[in-house]
Amino acid sequence: MPNLAKRLLISIVIDISPSTGFKNTLGEKTPNELINQKLKSFIAQLCSNKKIRSSAEVCFVLYSTNIEVKPFVPLKSLENNVPQFSPVKSGGTRTASAMNAAYDAIHEKARMISGNSLGGGLYTSVVILLTDGDVSVHDTDDMIEEVTRKINACTVKIEIEADGKKEPWLLLFKNETHN
């Protein structure tokens, strides 16, 4: 008999582009070190909740120029074994493409759970993005629009001034109200 308990599918999208390995001018931790530290803390917090620990499955999506989708694993298997990720030596950033891959992984897992991409109400999904915030120059406007549609959000390209120079950023608005 299939397990009909509600499942929590968590897709964690992790930026491993070269920029995540650079220390800031204050010599503090690199973005990659902070990402790994926060990931370990986040997994520990999830595992501390018995219901989440027993129902959640986690998928990691690593990205730079290339995108690698790791298979879903039970959260409890990560409790004392949280993977650490390292930045790649060269490459760019494809954030929108990685987010699309994360949503595709969730919908594929939902099909496996229930036989259809809607999951038959048997799952709840969460996508988490861990990045240094560097906007992708490798993602096209069409890719950004696709991920915006998938998460039912509004994405606006803006310029932010930081340290006297303008940087491109993506600003996402998401309405989480439900009837």
Foldseek 3Di string as FASTA:
>chain_A
DADLAAAEEEEEEEEQAPQQCDDDPVRDHGLLVVLQVVQLVVLLVQCVDPVSQQGYWYWYWYDFQDIDIGATDRSVVCNVPPDRDHHDPHGGTDVLVSLVVRLVNQQVVLCVRCVGSVNPNRYDYYYHYRDPQADGPPYDPVSVVVSCVVQVWDWDWDWDADPRDTGIGIDIGHDPDDD
